[in-house]
Protein backbone atom coordinates (compact mmCIF):
# COMPACT_ATOMS: atom_id res chain seq x y z
CA UNK A 1 -0.04 0.09 -0.03
CA UNK A 2 1.55 3.26 -1.24
CA UNK A 3 0.47 5.35 1.93
CA UNK A 4 1.93 2.87 4.10
CA UNK A 5 5.16 2.77 2.03
CA UNK A 6 5.40 6.73 2.60
CA UNK A 7 4.12 6.87 6.10
CA UNK A 8 7.33 8.94 7.01
CA UNK A 9 6.03 11.63 4.57
CA UNK A 10 2.64 12.20 6.25
CA UNK A 11 2.11 15.51 7.73
CA UNK A 12 -0.36 18.27 8.25
CA UNK A 13 -0.37 22.02 8.52
CA UNK A 14 -0.86 24.18 11.53
CA UNK A 15 -4.64 24.69 10.78
CA UNK A 16 -4.95 20.95 10.23
CA UNK A 17 -3.57 20.34 13.59
CA UNK A 18 -6.19 22.20 15.53
CA UNK A 19 -8.91 21.15 13.11
CA UNK A 20 -8.08 17.40 13.53
CA UNK A 21 -7.84 17.54 17.32
CA UNK A 22 -11.33 19.33 17.42
CA UNK A 23 -12.89 16.88 15.01
CA UNK A 24 -11.94 13.81 16.75
CA UNK A 25 -11.86 15.10 20.39
CA UNK A 26 -8.10 14.15 21.11
CA UNK A 27 -5.78 16.15 22.96
CA UNK A 28 -2.24 14.75 22.04
CA UNK A 29 1.09 16.52 21.84
CA UNK A 30 1.85 15.41 18.32
CA UNK A 31 -1.36 14.78 16.29
CA UNK A 32 0.61 13.63 13.27
CA UNK A 33 2.17 10.78 15.10
CA UNK A 34 -1.23 10.05 16.62
CA UNK A 35 -2.66 9.61 12.95
CA UNK A 36 0.41 7.84 11.44
CA UNK A 37 -0.06 5.12 14.26
CA UNK A 38 -3.65 4.89 13.61
CA UNK A 39 -3.00 4.50 9.95
CA UNK A 40 -0.43 1.79 10.54
CA UNK A 41 -2.87 -0.42 12.78
CA UNK A 42 -3.58 -3.73 11.52
CA UNK A 43 -7.43 -2.97 11.70
CA UNK A 44 -7.11 0.24 9.65
CA UNK A 45 -9.08 0.15 6.37
CA UNK A 46 -7.30 2.27 3.79
CA UNK A 47 -9.22 3.20 0.56
CA UNK A 48 -8.24 5.44 -2.09
CA UNK A 49 -10.99 7.79 -3.64
CA UNK A 50 -10.21 10.25 -6.14
CA UNK A 51 -7.01 12.22 -5.18
CA UNK A 52 -7.37 11.16 -1.33
CA UNK A 53 -6.85 8.31 0.90
CA UNK A 54 -9.54 7.68 3.59
CA UNK A 55 -8.10 5.75 6.61
CA UNK A 56 -11.11 4.20 8.68
CA UNK A 57 -9.87 2.94 12.27
CA UNK A 58 -11.36 2.80 15.72
CA UNK A 59 -14.39 4.81 14.60
CA UNK A 60 -12.42 7.64 13.10
CA UNK A 61 -11.75 8.55 9.38
CA UNK A 62 -8.61 10.28 8.48
CA UNK A 63 -8.37 11.98 4.99
CA UNK A 64 -4.99 12.07 3.42
CA UNK A 65 -4.02 13.93 0.36
CA UNK A 66 -2.60 10.96 -2.01
CA UNK A 67 0.25 13.15 -3.73
CA UNK A 68 1.33 15.39 -0.83
CA UNK A 69 0.68 13.10 2.09
CA UNK A 70 -0.84 15.84 3.99
CA UNK A 71 -3.46 14.98 6.50
CA UNK A 72 -6.46 17.22 5.43
CA UNK A 73 -8.78 16.27 8.23
CA UNK A 74 -10.02 13.61 10.49
CA UNK A 75 -13.53 13.00 11.78
CA UNK A 76 -15.65 10.57 13.77
CA UNK A 77 -17.23 7.85 11.78
CA UNK A 78 -21.06 8.35 11.67
CA UNK A 79 -23.01 5.71 13.05
């Protein structure tokens, strides 16, 4: 999987940090590492739709741009 092969390139913007933390309700020091750890979990489902990867894991969906590996957003999965 290309996203996993390039996990070290995954990053986000300053605005992305606040948005991701707020959307999924976590307060961690390094939100990028938190998301990378989620993406690497065995139970993570990674799908590519258009220009983005959507990683569904532990009730959270993480959206990553496929060309820049920027975490665009993350939100709680709707039940």
